[in-house]
Protein backbone atom coordinates (compact mmCIF):
# COMPACT_ATOMS: atom_id res chain seq x y z
CA MET A 1 8.89 -1.70 -9.44
CA ILE A 2 5.62 -3.38 -8.68
CA TYR A 3 3.86 -0.10 -7.95
CA LYS A 4 4.34 0.96 -11.60
CA LEU A 5 2.21 -2.03 -12.62
CA PHE A 6 -0.38 -0.91 -10.10
CA LEU A 7 -0.35 2.59 -11.53
CA LEU A 8 -0.94 1.10 -14.97
CA SER A 9 -3.85 -0.97 -13.73
CA ILE A 10 -5.30 2.00 -11.86
CA ALA A 11 -5.29 3.97 -15.10
CA LEU A 12 -7.60 1.28 -16.46
CA LEU A 13 -9.94 1.54 -13.48
CA PRO A 14 -11.96 4.60 -12.49
CA VAL A 15 -10.32 6.42 -9.62
CA ILE A 16 -12.71 6.22 -6.74
CA SER A 17 -10.83 8.05 -3.96
CA CYS A 18 -8.88 9.86 -3.29
CA SER A 19 14.74 11.16 2.10
CA SER A 20 14.86 7.65 3.08
CA ASN A 21 14.82 6.51 6.66
CA ARG A 22 14.30 3.34 8.63
CA THR A 23 11.28 3.50 10.88
CA LYS A 24 10.45 1.35 13.88
CA GLN A 25 7.68 3.09 15.76
CA THR A 26 6.65 2.45 19.31
CA VAL A 27 3.64 4.76 19.14
CA ALA A 28 0.72 3.63 17.00
CA LYS A 29 -0.02 6.02 14.16
CA LYS A 30 -3.36 6.67 12.59
CA PHE A 31 -4.38 7.21 8.98
CA LYS A 32 -5.98 10.56 8.15
CA GLU A 33 -8.40 8.63 5.97
CA ASN A 34 -11.21 6.66 7.57
CA ASP A 35 -11.62 2.87 7.45
CA THR A 36 -14.07 3.05 4.54
CA THR A 37 -11.59 4.81 2.24
CA VAL A 38 -11.15 2.93 -1.04
CA VAL A 39 -7.64 1.52 -1.53
CA TYR A 40 -5.89 -0.75 -4.01
CA THR A 41 -4.28 -4.05 -3.13
CA THR A 42 -3.94 -7.53 -4.62
CA GLU A 43 -6.08 -10.61 -4.40
CA PHE A 44 -3.05 -12.27 -2.77
CA VAL A 45 -3.15 -9.84 0.16
CA LEU A 46 -6.91 -10.09 0.67
CA LYS A 47 -7.55 -13.77 -0.03
CA GLN A 48 -4.24 -15.51 0.68
CA LYS A 49 -3.10 -13.09 3.40
CA LEU A 50 0.38 -12.73 1.86
CA ASP A 51 2.69 -10.21 3.53
CA ILE A 52 2.31 -6.59 2.50
CA VAL A 53 5.85 -5.56 1.61
CA GLU A 54 5.27 -2.36 -0.35
CA VAL A 55 2.93 0.54 0.35
CA VAL A 56 2.52 3.44 -2.06
CA HIS A 57 0.80 6.75 -1.31
CA ASP A 58 0.36 8.04 -4.84
CA ASN A 59 1.05 11.72 -5.36
CA LYS A 60 -1.21 12.08 -8.40
CA HIS A 61 -4.49 10.82 -6.91
CA GLY A 62 -3.60 10.39 -3.22
CA ALA A 63 -4.53 6.71 -3.53
CA TRP A 64 -3.06 4.11 -1.19
CA MET A 65 -1.73 0.83 -2.63
CA PHE A 66 -0.82 -2.20 -0.50
CA ILE A 67 1.26 -4.75 -2.38
CA ASN A 68 2.65 -8.19 -1.60
CA ASN A 69 5.91 -9.38 -3.09
CA GLY A 70 5.70 -11.51 -6.16
CA TYR A 71 6.10 -11.45 -9.88
CA TYR A 72 3.30 -10.17 -12.08
CA ASP A 73 3.18 -10.25 -15.86
CA SER A 74 0.41 -7.72 -15.50
CA ALA A 75 -1.31 -6.17 -12.52
CA VAL A 76 -4.61 -6.29 -14.40
CA GLY A 77 -6.63 -9.14 -12.94
CA PHE A 78 -4.66 -9.17 -9.70
CA THR A 79 -5.68 -5.69 -8.58
CA GLU A 80 -8.40 -5.60 -5.95
CA ILE A 81 -10.34 -2.58 -4.77
CA SER A 82 -10.90 -2.76 -1.04
CA THR A 83 -11.22 -0.52 2.00
CA LEU A 84 -8.47 0.69 4.26
CA GLY A 85 -10.18 -1.03 7.19
CA ASP A 86 -10.14 -4.41 5.43
CA VAL A 87 -6.44 -4.12 4.64
CA ILE A 88 -5.66 -3.11 8.25
CA LYS A 89 -7.47 -6.28 9.38
CA VAL A 90 -5.09 -8.34 7.22
CA ASP A 91 -1.94 -6.56 8.47
CA SER A 92 -2.20 -4.00 11.26
CA SER A 93 1.52 -3.18 10.99
CA ILE A 94 0.65 -0.86 8.09
CA MET A 95 -0.62 1.54 10.76
CA GLU A 96 3.04 2.53 11.18
CA LEU A 97 2.70 4.26 7.80
CA GLY A 98 -0.47 6.18 8.56
CA ASP A 99 1.25 9.56 8.37
CA MET A 100 3.23 8.85 5.20
CA ASP A 101 2.79 11.78 2.82
CA THR A 102 1.67 11.47 -0.78
CA GLY A 103 4.57 10.95 -3.16
CA PHE A 104 6.26 8.42 -0.87
CA PHE A 105 6.42 4.65 -0.76
CA ALA A 106 7.54 2.22 1.90
CA HIS A 107 9.03 -1.22 1.52
CA ARG A 108 10.31 -4.07 3.65
CA LYS A 109 11.44 -7.65 3.08
CA PHE A 110 8.78 -9.39 5.18
CA LYS A 111 6.06 -8.73 7.75
CA GLY A 112 7.74 -7.71 10.99
CA ASP A 113 10.73 -6.13 9.22
CA SER A 114 11.29 -2.38 9.56
CA TRP A 115 9.71 -0.18 6.92
CA VAL A 116 12.05 1.85 4.69
CA ILE A 117 10.32 5.01 3.47
CA GLU A 118 11.47 6.73 0.29
CA LYS A 119 10.30 9.58 -1.89
CA MET A 120 9.03 8.52 -5.33
CA LYS A 121 11.16 9.76 -8.21
């Protein structure tokens, strides 16, 4: 999975911060972390505004990762460090995942699709 490439790239960067069900929420959720929390994403999400289709809440560091779909030979070079607030500005639908515990990831096919939340193995 893509998040494994992110975990590899995160290992190369200093860490700065830090059951499956279909979910379609009608009540807006809120992240425990504030908008200035450091998160990982891709240049494609930030610069090209590609759909975020996978979100990982890492159980080792508690880091959040927001990933677009696409093929990567290596996540190194594509990984961007940003803030939670900047990623929310790109795609506010990630707010639906604000209460997702560490050790879980969510995925969907496209923006507007329902999130599927699963426990990492």
